[in-house]
Amino acid sequence: MFSDIRAADEAISLNAVVRDISALDEKAQLIGDVANIVGIEGTDDEYRRFAMAL
């Protein structure tokens, strides 16, 4: 689904928040090809940076 959204004409920031990045399996890590992945423990600055990314 993320790749479908990424293919849209509009420039948007795709972000995924996960409990533990290091625990992602190979399939889940594919999200990183089309979206920013941030851990739930991420800092406010990380969340802000990803939210503003295009």
N, C-alpha and C. Protein backbone atom coordinates (compact mmCIF):
# COMPACT_ATOMS: atom_id res chain seq x y z
N MET A 1 0.82 -1.19 0.00
CA MET A 1 0.00 0.00 0.00
C MET A 1 0.86 1.25 0.00
N PHE A 2 1.97 1.26 0.76
CA PHE A 2 2.84 2.41 0.79
C PHE A 2 3.35 2.73 -0.62
N SER A 3 3.71 1.70 -1.39
CA SER A 3 4.24 1.95 -2.72
C SER A 3 3.15 2.51 -3.63
N ASP A 4 1.89 2.12 -3.45
CA ASP A 4 0.80 2.69 -4.22
C ASP A 4 0.65 4.18 -3.92
N ILE A 5 0.74 4.53 -2.66
CA ILE A 5 0.63 5.93 -2.27
C ILE A 5 1.81 6.72 -2.80
N ARG A 6 3.02 6.15 -2.72
CA ARG A 6 4.22 6.82 -3.20
C ARG A 6 4.13 7.11 -4.69
N ALA A 7 3.44 6.26 -5.44
CA ALA A 7 3.32 6.42 -6.88
C ALA A 7 2.35 7.55 -7.25
N ALA A 8 1.62 8.06 -6.30
CA ALA A 8 0.68 9.15 -6.57
C ALA A 8 1.44 10.39 -7.02
N ASP A 9 0.76 11.26 -7.72
CA ASP A 9 1.39 12.47 -8.25
C ASP A 9 1.76 13.48 -7.18
N GLU A 10 1.08 13.45 -6.07
CA GLU A 10 1.33 14.44 -5.01
C GLU A 10 2.57 14.07 -4.21
N ALA A 11 3.34 15.08 -3.85
CA ALA A 11 4.52 14.86 -3.02
C ALA A 11 4.08 14.83 -1.56
N ILE A 12 4.19 13.66 -0.95
CA ILE A 12 3.80 13.51 0.45
C ILE A 12 4.89 12.74 1.19
N SER A 13 4.88 12.86 2.48
CA SER A 13 5.81 12.15 3.32
C SER A 13 5.15 10.88 3.85
N LEU A 14 5.73 9.74 3.53
CA LEU A 14 5.22 8.47 4.05
C LEU A 14 6.07 8.07 5.25
N ASN A 15 5.43 7.79 6.35
CA ASN A 15 6.13 7.48 7.59
C ASN A 15 5.49 6.27 8.26
N ALA A 16 6.34 5.44 8.85
CA ALA A 16 5.86 4.29 9.60
C ALA A 16 6.49 4.34 10.99
N VAL A 17 5.67 4.20 12.01
CA VAL A 17 6.16 4.17 13.38
C VAL A 17 6.06 2.73 13.86
N VAL A 18 7.18 2.21 14.35
CA VAL A 18 7.21 0.82 14.80
C VAL A 18 7.74 0.75 16.23
N ARG A 19 7.39 -0.33 16.88
CA ARG A 19 7.81 -0.51 18.28
C ARG A 19 9.32 -0.66 18.37
N ASP A 20 9.90 -1.49 17.50
CA ASP A 20 11.33 -1.79 17.58
C ASP A 20 11.87 -2.01 16.17
N ILE A 21 12.60 -1.06 15.64
CA ILE A 21 13.14 -1.15 14.28
C ILE A 21 14.01 -2.39 14.12
N SER A 22 14.81 -2.70 15.12
CA SER A 22 15.72 -3.84 15.02
C SER A 22 14.98 -5.18 14.95
N ALA A 23 13.70 -5.20 15.34
CA ALA A 23 12.93 -6.44 15.33
C ALA A 23 12.17 -6.66 14.02
N LEU A 24 12.29 -5.74 13.07
CA LEU A 24 11.58 -5.89 11.80
C LEU A 24 12.17 -7.04 11.00
N ASP A 25 11.32 -7.86 10.43
CA ASP A 25 11.81 -8.92 9.56
C ASP A 25 12.10 -8.35 8.17
N GLU A 26 12.63 -9.18 7.28
CA GLU A 26 13.02 -8.69 5.95
C GLU A 26 11.84 -8.09 5.20
N LYS A 27 10.70 -8.72 5.26
CA LYS A 27 9.52 -8.22 4.55
C LYS A 27 9.11 -6.85 5.09
N ALA A 28 9.09 -6.69 6.39
CA ALA A 28 8.72 -5.42 6.99
C ALA A 28 9.74 -4.33 6.67
N GLN A 29 11.00 -4.70 6.54
CA GLN A 29 12.03 -3.71 6.23
C GLN A 29 11.86 -3.14 4.83
N LEU A 30 11.11 -3.80 3.97
CA LEU A 30 10.84 -3.28 2.63
C LEU A 30 10.11 -1.94 2.68
N ILE A 31 9.41 -1.70 3.78
CA ILE A 31 8.73 -0.41 3.95
C ILE A 31 9.74 0.72 3.81
N GLY A 32 10.97 0.48 4.27
CA GLY A 32 12.01 1.49 4.21
C GLY A 32 12.36 1.93 2.80
N ASP A 33 11.98 1.14 1.79
CA ASP A 33 12.22 1.53 0.40
C ASP A 33 11.32 2.67 -0.04
N VAL A 34 10.17 2.80 0.60
CA VAL A 34 9.21 3.82 0.17
C VAL A 34 8.77 4.76 1.29
N ALA A 35 9.20 4.49 2.51
CA ALA A 35 8.75 5.31 3.64
C ALA A 35 9.87 5.47 4.67
N ASN A 36 9.74 6.48 5.48
CA ASN A 36 10.64 6.66 6.61
C ASN A 36 10.14 5.79 7.75
N ILE A 37 11.06 5.10 8.41
CA ILE A 37 10.69 4.27 9.56
C ILE A 37 11.31 4.88 10.80
N VAL A 38 10.50 5.12 11.79
CA VAL A 38 10.98 5.68 13.05
C VAL A 38 10.45 4.82 14.19
N GLY A 39 11.29 4.61 15.18
CA GLY A 39 10.87 3.86 16.35
C GLY A 39 9.95 4.68 17.22
N ILE A 40 9.10 4.01 17.95
CA ILE A 40 8.14 4.71 18.80
C ILE A 40 8.86 5.58 19.84
N GLU A 41 10.11 5.19 20.16
CA GLU A 41 10.89 5.96 21.13
C GLU A 41 11.61 7.14 20.48
N GLY A 42 11.34 7.39 19.19
CA GLY A 42 12.00 8.48 18.47
C GLY A 42 11.82 9.82 19.15
N THR A 43 12.75 10.70 18.87
CA THR A 43 12.68 12.04 19.46
C THR A 43 11.67 12.91 18.72
N ASP A 44 11.27 13.99 19.36
CA ASP A 44 10.37 14.95 18.70
C ASP A 44 11.00 15.46 17.40
N ASP A 45 12.31 15.69 17.42
CA ASP A 45 13.00 16.18 16.22
C ASP A 45 12.93 15.17 15.08
N GLU A 46 13.07 13.88 15.39
CA GLU A 46 12.96 12.85 14.35
C GLU A 46 11.56 12.85 13.75
N TYR A 47 10.56 12.88 14.60
CA TYR A 47 9.18 12.89 14.10
C TYR A 47 8.93 14.12 13.23
N ARG A 48 9.41 15.28 13.68
CA ARG A 48 9.24 16.51 12.92
C ARG A 48 9.94 16.43 11.56
N ARG A 49 11.17 15.93 11.56
CA ARG A 49 11.96 15.84 10.33
C ARG A 49 11.27 14.92 9.33
N PHE A 50 10.79 13.77 9.78
CA PHE A 50 10.12 12.84 8.88
C PHE A 50 8.78 13.40 8.40
N ALA A 51 8.08 14.09 9.27
CA ALA A 51 6.78 14.65 8.88
C ALA A 51 6.94 15.73 7.81
N MET A 52 8.08 16.41 7.80
CA MET A 52 8.30 17.48 6.83
C MET A 52 9.03 17.00 5.59
N ALA A 53 9.47 15.75 5.57
CA ALA A 53 10.23 15.21 4.43
C ALA A 53 9.29 14.99 3.24
N LEU A 54 9.83 15.20 2.08
CA LEU A 54 9.06 14.93 0.85
C LEU A 54 9.81 13.95 -0.01
